[in-house]
Amino acid sequence: MSITLSTRFQIPLKTTTAFNRTKIIIPYLDENNSPRKQENSWTSFSTSAQYSLFKNKLRFRSGLDFMTNGKTDNTGTQLYGSKFGFDWDIINKLTLSFSSSIRMNSSNDEWNVNSSGFNTTLGYRF
């Protein structure tokens, strides 16, 4: 199941929210040759926004996301993430972009940084 909602407003704001749930059922035979099944469900939720300034020459982006790892018992890990960035049209067809993100995992009441980073690019469209 997947649901996505995108909005545009009279002000220069765009938002997107998405919810996804995937369930996989794996049939197998146990050690006694009895049929069994294993169910895994992944759930993800994300929301992001973009706000433009100066006639769309500067665009700020941010977002949050959440994801489970598919385990149905209490041993599962949950991932939480956030991101921030901007695009700046310096001159015609030349754009400076910056993006940063961090993802944290929560398992057994412990929090750890799963991944983080930033990226800066200078691009020219021919």
Protein backbone atom coordinates (compact mmCIF):
# COMPACT_ATOMS: atom_id res chain seq x y z
CA MET A 1 0.00 0.00 0.00
CA SER A 2 1.34 3.40 -0.92
CA ILE A 3 -0.19 6.83 -0.38
CA THR A 4 1.41 10.09 -1.55
CA LEU A 5 0.03 13.57 -1.04
CA SER A 6 1.61 16.56 -2.77
CA THR A 7 0.53 20.16 -2.31
CA ARG A 8 1.26 23.54 -3.84
CA PHE A 9 0.11 26.77 -2.27
CA GLN A 10 -0.39 30.35 -3.40
CA ILE A 11 2.79 31.15 -1.50
CA PRO A 12 5.95 29.54 -2.97
CA LEU A 13 5.64 26.42 -0.83
CA LYS A 14 5.48 22.80 -2.01
CA THR A 15 5.04 19.81 0.29
CA THR A 16 5.03 16.06 -0.19
CA THR A 17 4.01 13.39 2.29
CA ALA A 18 4.27 9.67 1.59
CA PHE A 19 3.26 6.55 3.49
CA ASN A 20 4.30 3.07 2.34
CA ARG A 21 3.67 -0.35 3.81
CA THR A 22 5.02 -3.54 2.28
CA LYS A 23 4.26 -7.02 3.56
CA ILE A 24 6.14 -10.12 2.43
CA ILE A 25 4.96 -13.61 3.35
CA ILE A 26 7.59 -16.34 2.99
CA PRO A 27 6.33 -19.95 3.11
CA TYR A 28 8.73 -22.65 4.31
CA LEU A 29 8.88 -26.09 5.89
CA ASP A 30 10.14 -26.34 9.46
CA GLU A 31 12.37 -29.12 10.83
CA ASN A 32 9.32 -31.47 11.04
CA ASN A 33 8.31 -30.75 7.42
CA SER A 34 5.30 -28.80 8.65
CA PRO A 35 4.32 -25.81 6.52
CA ARG A 36 4.98 -22.45 8.18
CA LYS A 37 5.10 -18.86 7.07
CA GLN A 38 7.21 -15.89 8.03
CA GLU A 39 5.72 -12.42 7.69
CA ASN A 40 7.80 -9.26 7.35
CA SER A 41 6.26 -5.81 7.12
CA TRP A 42 8.20 -2.67 6.24
CA THR A 43 6.65 0.68 6.99
CA SER A 44 7.97 4.04 5.89
CA PHE A 45 6.73 7.59 6.25
CA SER A 46 8.32 10.72 4.84
CA THR A 47 7.44 14.35 4.57
CA SER A 48 9.32 17.13 2.80
CA ALA A 49 8.86 20.77 1.97
CA GLN A 50 10.40 23.28 -0.43
CA TYR A 51 10.11 27.04 -0.08
CA SER A 52 11.25 29.44 -2.81
CA LEU A 53 12.48 33.00 -2.48
CA PHE A 54 13.52 35.74 -4.92
CA LYS A 55 11.31 34.59 -7.81
CA ASN A 56 12.39 30.95 -7.42
CA LYS A 57 16.14 31.78 -7.54
CA LEU A 58 16.70 30.38 -4.02
CA ARG A 59 14.93 27.19 -2.94
CA PHE A 60 15.17 25.74 0.57
CA ARG A 61 14.37 22.04 1.11
CA SER A 62 13.86 20.06 4.30
CA GLY A 63 12.31 16.78 5.30
CA LEU A 64 11.81 14.05 7.87
CA ASP A 65 11.44 10.30 7.41
CA PHE A 66 10.81 7.14 9.41
CA MET A 67 11.24 3.47 8.49
CA THR A 68 10.96 0.07 10.21
CA ASN A 69 13.08 -2.92 9.24
CA GLY A 70 10.35 -5.50 8.70
CA LYS A 71 10.49 -7.44 11.94
CA THR A 72 7.21 -7.83 13.80
CA ASP A 73 8.64 -8.60 17.25
CA ASN A 74 10.32 -6.12 19.60
CA THR A 75 13.81 -6.80 18.19
CA GLY A 76 13.20 -4.56 15.21
CA THR A 77 15.17 -1.44 14.39
CA GLN A 78 13.58 1.86 13.53
CA LEU A 79 15.32 4.45 11.38
CA TYR A 80 14.66 8.18 11.75
CA GLY A 81 16.08 10.70 9.33
CA SER A 82 16.16 14.39 8.56
CA LYS A 83 17.50 16.39 5.66
CA PHE A 84 18.09 20.00 4.75
CA GLY A 85 19.35 21.70 1.64
CA PHE A 86 19.06 24.52 -0.83
CA ASP A 87 19.48 25.33 -4.51
CA TRP A 88 20.65 28.77 -5.55
CA ASP A 89 20.51 29.88 -9.18
CA ILE A 90 23.61 32.11 -9.16
CA ILE A 91 23.32 33.19 -12.79
CA ASN A 92 21.40 31.87 -15.77
CA LYS A 93 21.89 28.03 -15.90
CA LEU A 94 24.50 27.99 -13.07
CA THR A 95 23.20 26.48 -9.82
CA LEU A 96 24.85 25.94 -6.45
CA SER A 97 23.25 23.09 -4.49
CA PHE A 98 23.82 22.00 -0.91
CA SER A 99 22.23 19.04 0.86
CA SER A 100 22.77 17.45 4.24
CA SER A 101 21.19 14.49 5.96
CA ILE A 102 21.39 12.40 9.09
CA ARG A 103 19.80 9.06 9.81
CA MET A 104 19.61 7.59 13.31
CA ASN A 105 18.57 4.10 14.31
CA SER A 106 16.74 3.16 17.47
CA SER A 107 17.10 -0.41 18.70
CA ASN A 108 16.45 -1.62 22.26
CA ASP A 109 16.23 2.00 23.51
CA GLU A 110 19.70 2.82 22.11
CA TRP A 111 20.25 5.60 19.58
CA ASN A 112 23.09 5.46 17.05
CA VAL A 113 23.98 7.48 14.01
CA ASN A 114 23.38 5.20 11.04
CA SER A 115 24.59 7.59 8.36
CA SER A 116 25.17 11.29 7.85
CA GLY A 117 26.67 13.51 5.24
CA PHE A 118 26.56 16.61 3.15
CA ASN A 119 27.03 17.32 -0.51
CA THR A 120 27.77 20.54 -2.36
CA THR A 121 27.61 20.79 -6.15
CA LEU A 122 28.01 23.53 -8.68
CA GLY A 123 26.18 22.67 -11.87
CA TYR A 124 25.77 24.28 -15.26
CA ARG A 125 22.96 23.31 -17.63
CA PHE A 126 24.04 23.53 -21.27
